[in-house]
Amino acid sequence: MLLTADAGCLVRYQQESWISGVSLMTKIWQFASYHLWSLFSPQVSKEAWHCDMKRGFTKARKKEPIVKALLEKDTSWQRIGLLAQKGVYEFHQNTQLLKQPRGIEQVAEILQLNQESAEVQKRVTGVLKNYHENPILVGKNVIKLIRGDEGFPEPILIRHGNYHFNLYAAIDCIFREPDGTIHILDFKTGKSEFDRRQAFVYLLAASYLYPQQPTVASFYNLESGKWSKCITATAAQLNAIRVELAKIAKQHQRDLRRYRFNAATFQQIYPPNPGFHCQYCNFNSICKFSVAEVPA
């Protein structure tokens, strides 16, 4: 039986068997994910927004009551993304809703959209209207479609040389193309550019979940209706991603150990990068480096 705890911590195996030379009784502390990668290094063109201290709050200090409370509180854009995902899920739980004039209203009621802020209601309603008009998954051989609030996915044990770590890949949707190709689809909202690193992480995960099967990944923006080109990866590219994720998993654990050994070194381990982007940070109310106002 596999038991998973917080994605930042412990995965414990209770059955005595072996995978890739690792006893399943072994505690695997190291992990990696696209989210952790994004906390380490920014998306191209987003360098000015990047702040290592955010990673420190999110990973090293997440159990502190005030930090935990902030992490549990969704921002508007997080609510929009989650409810948009749930909306697509609900349409496909009952596809008749896609054919009914009141289908949008009914899904909004299921989501209890009237309890959200005006901005969230407006944008999620827009997503529901868009999807009702263009339900891109209808007719697809859908293998997996998540609601978005299931929690951490099952970890995938990755081996890199003698080093092992768990890979977490929260994939929104997987469907099979008519030619048998596995297609990984990630839903987006907002105006941010798609980050190809996320696609490569998901393709690496798929190489373990669907070995020897051709796989592609793409992004679809539920607000704009923009669908990216399909992204593929060679064996060499997947290995490069495996190497990068192994480095991140190791560095993450080193940083955590340094902080736990001496909490006073927090800002040295996770240096701040204050600026106009502080206004969008979850931790601006508790970060002493946060810039409250940006001069014109």
Protein backbone atom coordinates (compact mmCIF):
# COMPACT_ATOMS: atom_id res chain seq x y z
CA MET A 1 0.00 0.00 0.00
CA LEU A 2 1.31 3.43 -0.95
CA LEU A 3 0.81 6.30 1.44
CA THR A 4 1.57 9.83 0.31
CA ALA A 5 1.95 12.81 2.58
CA ASP A 6 2.56 16.45 1.70
CA ALA A 7 4.28 16.65 -1.70
CA GLY A 8 7.17 18.45 -0.06
CA CYS A 9 7.88 15.69 2.37
CA LEU A 10 7.49 11.98 2.83
CA VAL A 11 6.34 9.14 0.69
CA ARG A 12 6.30 5.87 2.60
CA TYR A 13 5.90 2.42 1.16
CA GLN A 14 4.60 -0.39 3.34
CA GLN A 15 4.93 -3.38 1.04
CA GLU A 16 8.32 -5.05 0.88
CA SER A 17 9.28 -5.14 -2.79
CA TRP A 18 11.77 -3.48 -5.11
CA ILE A 19 11.51 -0.97 -7.95
CA SER A 20 14.61 0.10 -9.88
CA GLY A 21 16.77 -1.28 -7.10
CA VAL A 22 15.01 0.69 -4.35
CA SER A 23 13.26 -1.11 -1.53
CA LEU A 24 9.68 0.10 -1.25
CA MET A 25 10.20 0.21 2.49
CA THR A 26 12.59 3.10 1.88
CA LYS A 27 11.39 6.58 2.71
CA ILE A 28 11.74 8.79 -0.35
CA TRP A 29 12.01 12.39 0.80
CA GLN A 30 13.25 13.93 -2.42
CA PHE A 31 10.66 15.12 -4.90
CA ALA A 32 10.27 17.32 -7.92
CA SER A 33 7.40 18.82 -9.88
CA TYR A 34 6.81 21.55 -12.42
CA HIS A 35 5.60 23.80 -9.59
CA LEU A 36 8.84 23.33 -7.65
CA TRP A 37 10.83 24.02 -10.82
CA SER A 38 8.90 27.24 -11.36
CA LEU A 39 9.70 28.30 -7.78
CA PHE A 40 13.41 27.77 -8.47
CA SER A 41 13.61 29.52 -11.81
CA PRO A 42 11.18 31.75 -13.68
CA GLN A 43 9.55 31.33 -17.03
CA VAL A 44 11.39 33.07 -19.87
CA SER A 45 10.54 36.82 -19.87
CA LYS A 46 9.30 36.61 -16.25
CA GLU A 47 12.72 36.99 -14.60
CA ALA A 48 11.86 40.35 -13.01
CA TRP A 49 8.92 38.73 -11.22
CA HIS A 50 10.92 35.91 -9.69
CA CYS A 51 11.57 35.84 -5.95
CA ASP A 52 13.30 32.98 -4.11
CA MET A 53 11.79 34.10 -0.83
CA LYS A 54 8.39 33.00 -2.13
CA ARG A 55 9.83 29.49 -2.40
CA GLY A 56 11.06 29.81 1.17
CA PHE A 57 7.63 30.71 2.52
CA THR A 58 5.91 28.08 0.37
CA LYS A 59 8.23 25.18 1.18
CA ALA A 60 10.38 25.89 4.24
CA ARG A 61 7.91 27.80 6.42
CA LYS A 62 4.61 26.35 5.24
CA LYS A 63 3.74 24.84 8.64
CA GLU A 64 3.91 28.16 10.50
CA PRO A 65 0.27 29.09 11.32
CA ILE A 66 0.35 32.49 9.58
CA VAL A 67 2.04 31.08 6.47
CA LYS A 68 -0.24 28.04 6.41
CA ALA A 69 -3.29 30.31 6.55
CA LEU A 70 -2.03 32.35 3.59
CA LEU A 71 -1.28 29.21 1.57
CA GLU A 72 -4.78 27.90 2.20
CA LYS A 73 -6.35 31.13 0.96
CA ASP A 74 -6.78 31.13 -2.81
CA THR A 75 -6.10 34.31 -4.76
CA SER A 76 -8.66 35.46 -7.34
CA TRP A 77 -6.64 34.02 -10.21
CA GLN A 78 -6.29 30.71 -8.39
CA ARG A 79 -10.06 30.57 -7.83
CA ILE A 80 -10.68 31.35 -11.49
CA GLY A 81 -8.36 28.57 -12.63
CA LEU A 82 -9.82 26.01 -10.22
CA LEU A 83 -13.46 26.83 -10.95
CA ALA A 84 -12.80 26.86 -14.70
CA GLN A 85 -11.35 23.36 -14.43
CA LYS A 86 -14.30 22.21 -12.31
CA GLY A 87 -16.69 23.67 -14.86
CA VAL A 88 -15.21 21.59 -17.69
CA TYR A 89 -15.32 18.53 -15.44
CA GLU A 90 -19.01 19.07 -14.58
CA PHE A 91 -19.96 19.50 -18.25
CA HIS A 92 -18.46 16.08 -18.94
CA GLN A 93 -20.06 14.46 -15.92
CA ASN A 94 -23.35 15.20 -17.67
CA THR A 95 -22.78 16.01 -21.33
CA GLN A 96 -26.49 16.80 -21.75
CA LEU A 97 -25.68 20.12 -20.08
CA LEU A 98 -23.70 21.03 -23.21
CA LYS A 99 -26.88 20.74 -25.27
CA GLN A 100 -29.25 22.55 -22.92
CA PRO A 101 -29.80 26.35 -23.00
CA ARG A 102 -29.62 26.40 -19.19
CA GLY A 103 -26.51 24.23 -19.09
CA ILE A 104 -24.27 27.17 -18.19
CA GLU A 105 -26.61 28.21 -15.38
CA GLN A 106 -26.77 24.69 -14.01
CA VAL A 107 -23.00 24.27 -13.92
CA ALA A 108 -22.68 27.71 -12.27
CA GLU A 109 -25.08 26.49 -9.58
CA ILE A 110 -23.07 23.30 -9.06
CA LEU A 111 -19.95 25.45 -8.63
CA GLN A 112 -21.84 27.80 -6.25
CA LEU A 113 -20.50 30.61 -8.37
CA ASN A 114 -22.81 33.15 -6.73
CA GLN A 115 -20.68 32.89 -3.57
CA GLU A 116 -17.55 34.14 -5.36
CA SER A 117 -16.34 37.69 -5.91
CA ALA A 118 -17.72 39.71 -8.84
CA GLU A 119 -14.48 39.31 -10.80
CA VAL A 120 -14.37 35.54 -10.31
CA GLN A 121 -18.06 35.20 -11.25
CA LYS A 122 -17.62 37.24 -14.43
CA ARG A 123 -14.55 35.42 -15.70
CA VAL A 124 -15.67 31.90 -14.81
CA THR A 125 -19.07 32.55 -16.40
CA GLY A 126 -17.15 33.57 -19.51
CA VAL A 127 -15.27 30.27 -19.42
CA LEU A 128 -18.53 28.32 -19.08
CA LYS A 129 -20.05 30.16 -22.04
CA ASN A 130 -16.94 29.56 -24.15
CA TYR A 131 -16.86 25.86 -23.35
CA HIS A 132 -20.61 25.47 -23.86
CA GLU A 133 -20.15 26.90 -27.36
CA ASN A 134 -16.94 24.99 -28.13
CA PRO A 135 -16.66 21.82 -26.00
CA ILE A 136 -13.28 20.69 -27.24
CA LEU A 137 -13.33 17.31 -25.49
CA VAL A 138 -16.62 16.11 -26.98
CA GLY A 139 -15.93 13.14 -29.20
CA LYS A 140 -12.49 12.61 -27.68
CA ASN A 141 -11.46 9.31 -26.10
CA VAL A 142 -10.86 10.82 -22.67
CA ILE A 143 -8.75 8.66 -20.38
CA LYS A 144 -8.52 11.10 -17.49
CA LEU A 145 -10.16 14.42 -16.58
CA ILE A 146 -9.70 15.85 -13.10
CA ARG A 147 -11.80 18.33 -11.14
CA GLY A 148 -8.70 20.14 -9.96
CA ASP A 149 -9.21 19.74 -6.21
CA GLU A 150 -8.21 16.09 -5.81
CA GLY A 151 -5.01 16.91 -3.95
CA PHE A 152 -1.57 15.58 -4.79
CA PRO A 153 -1.41 12.95 -7.53
CA GLU A 154 0.25 9.59 -7.00
CA PRO A 155 4.02 10.05 -7.20
CA ILE A 156 6.12 8.50 -9.94
CA LEU A 157 9.41 7.07 -8.75
CA ILE A 158 12.21 8.40 -10.97
CA ARG A 159 15.70 6.96 -11.07
CA HIS A 160 18.68 9.05 -12.15
CA GLY A 161 21.83 7.01 -11.70
CA ASN A 162 21.94 6.03 -8.04
CA TYR A 163 19.64 8.90 -7.09
CA HIS A 164 15.88 8.44 -6.72
CA PHE A 165 13.13 11.00 -6.32
CA ASN A 166 9.36 11.22 -6.64
CA LEU A 167 7.84 13.13 -9.53
CA TYR A 168 4.45 14.77 -9.02
CA ALA A 169 2.54 15.64 -12.18
CA ALA A 170 -1.01 16.96 -11.73
CA ILE A 171 -2.24 16.46 -15.29
CA ASP A 172 -5.60 18.09 -16.08
CA CYS A 173 -6.68 15.87 -18.94
CA ILE A 174 -5.43 12.91 -20.97
CA PHE A 175 -7.11 11.61 -24.10
CA ARG A 176 -6.17 9.16 -26.82
CA GLU A 177 -5.98 10.34 -30.41
CA PRO A 178 -7.51 8.15 -33.18
CA ASP A 179 -3.99 6.94 -34.14
CA GLY A 180 -3.33 5.83 -30.55
CA THR A 181 -1.20 8.81 -29.52
CA ILE A 182 -1.55 9.82 -25.87
CA HIS A 183 -2.43 13.52 -25.69
CA ILE A 184 -1.80 15.40 -22.44
CA LEU A 185 -3.84 18.61 -22.20
CA ASP A 186 -3.31 21.34 -19.62
CA PHE A 187 -6.02 23.97 -19.15
CA LYS A 188 -5.06 27.59 -18.62
CA THR A 189 -6.79 30.87 -17.80
CA GLY A 190 -5.53 34.45 -17.84
CA LYS A 191 -3.02 36.01 -20.21
CA SER A 192 0.24 34.29 -19.25
CA GLU A 193 2.25 32.61 -21.98
CA PHE A 194 2.41 28.82 -21.96
CA ASP A 195 5.53 27.43 -20.25
CA ARG A 196 6.99 24.60 -22.31
CA ARG A 197 8.81 23.29 -19.22
CA GLN A 198 5.46 22.13 -17.85
CA ALA A 199 4.75 20.20 -21.03
CA PHE A 200 8.16 18.51 -20.85
CA VAL A 201 7.61 17.51 -17.21
CA TYR A 202 4.25 15.98 -18.16
CA LEU A 203 5.81 14.19 -21.12
CA LEU A 204 8.42 12.73 -18.77
CA ALA A 205 5.63 11.55 -16.46
CA ALA A 206 3.79 10.04 -19.42
CA SER A 207 6.91 8.09 -20.44
CA TYR A 208 6.50 6.19 -17.14
CA LEU A 209 2.69 6.02 -17.15
CA TYR A 210 2.40 5.03 -20.82
CA PRO A 211 5.76 3.49 -21.75
CA GLN A 212 6.51 2.89 -25.42
CA GLN A 213 3.44 4.88 -26.49
CA PRO A 214 3.70 8.02 -28.62
CA THR A 215 2.79 11.05 -26.53
CA VAL A 216 2.20 14.75 -27.14
CA ALA A 217 1.28 17.62 -24.83
CA SER A 218 -0.55 20.87 -25.40
CA PHE A 219 -2.10 23.83 -23.58
CA TYR A 220 -5.61 25.22 -24.01
CA ASN A 221 -6.68 28.60 -22.63
CA LEU A 222 -10.30 28.33 -21.50
CA GLU A 223 -10.77 32.11 -21.64
CA SER A 224 -9.17 33.03 -24.96
CA GLY A 225 -9.81 29.72 -26.74
CA LYS A 226 -6.16 29.59 -27.78
CA TRP A 227 -4.82 26.05 -28.25
CA SER A 228 -1.05 25.63 -28.44
CA LYS A 229 0.73 23.50 -30.97
CA CYS A 230 1.43 19.95 -29.86
CA ILE A 231 4.74 19.56 -28.03
CA THR A 232 6.80 16.39 -28.26
CA ALA A 233 10.10 15.32 -26.69
CA THR A 234 12.89 13.04 -27.79
CA ALA A 235 14.50 10.49 -25.46
CA ALA A 236 17.47 12.86 -25.10
CA GLN A 237 15.20 15.77 -24.16
CA LEU A 238 13.36 13.67 -21.59
CA ASN A 239 16.67 12.63 -20.07
CA ALA A 240 17.73 16.28 -19.86
CA ILE A 241 14.48 17.06 -18.01
CA ARG A 242 15.12 14.10 -15.68
CA VAL A 243 18.61 15.45 -14.93
CA GLU A 244 17.28 18.96 -14.27
CA LEU A 245 14.53 17.72 -11.96
CA ALA A 246 17.04 15.56 -10.05
CA LYS A 247 19.21 18.67 -9.51
CA ILE A 248 16.19 20.62 -8.29
CA ALA A 249 15.11 17.84 -5.92
CA LYS A 250 18.61 17.68 -4.41
CA GLN A 251 18.95 21.46 -4.05
CA HIS A 252 15.51 21.72 -2.49
CA GLN A 253 16.42 19.24 0.23
CA ARG A 254 19.78 20.96 0.82
CA ASP A 255 18.04 24.30 1.26
CA LEU A 256 15.51 22.83 3.66
CA ARG A 257 18.27 21.27 5.77
CA ARG A 258 20.19 24.55 5.90
CA TYR A 259 17.09 26.43 7.01
CA ARG A 260 16.17 23.87 9.67
CA PHE A 261 19.73 23.95 11.00
CA ASN A 262 19.67 27.74 11.30
CA ALA A 263 16.39 29.56 10.66
CA ALA A 264 18.17 32.92 10.98
CA THR A 265 19.70 32.34 7.53
CA PHE A 266 16.27 32.34 5.82
CA GLN A 267 16.91 35.41 3.68
CA GLN A 268 20.35 34.15 2.67
CA ILE A 269 18.99 30.79 1.55
CA TYR A 270 15.90 32.33 -0.06
CA PRO A 271 16.94 35.84 -1.11
CA PRO A 272 14.16 38.37 -1.76
CA ASN A 273 13.60 40.25 -4.98
CA PRO A 274 11.29 43.13 -4.01
CA GLY A 275 9.57 45.16 -6.66
CA PHE A 276 6.22 45.97 -8.28
CA HIS A 277 5.35 42.26 -8.35
CA CYS A 278 5.13 42.18 -4.54
CA GLN A 279 1.55 43.42 -4.82
CA TYR A 280 0.59 40.07 -6.40
CA CYS A 281 2.45 37.89 -3.87
CA ASN A 282 0.51 35.78 -1.34
CA PHE A 283 3.04 36.70 1.34
CA ASN A 284 3.25 40.48 0.98
CA SER A 285 1.43 40.96 4.30
CA ILE A 286 4.16 39.14 6.27
CA CYS A 287 7.29 39.72 4.16
CA LYS A 288 9.45 42.53 5.55
CA PHE A 289 10.95 43.09 2.10
CA SER A 290 7.60 43.58 0.39
CA VAL A 291 7.25 46.82 -1.57
CA ALA A 292 3.90 48.33 -0.65
CA GLU A 293 3.88 51.00 -3.32
CA VAL A 294 5.85 51.40 -6.50
CA PRO A 295 6.89 54.96 -7.42
CA ALA A 296 5.44 56.28 -10.69
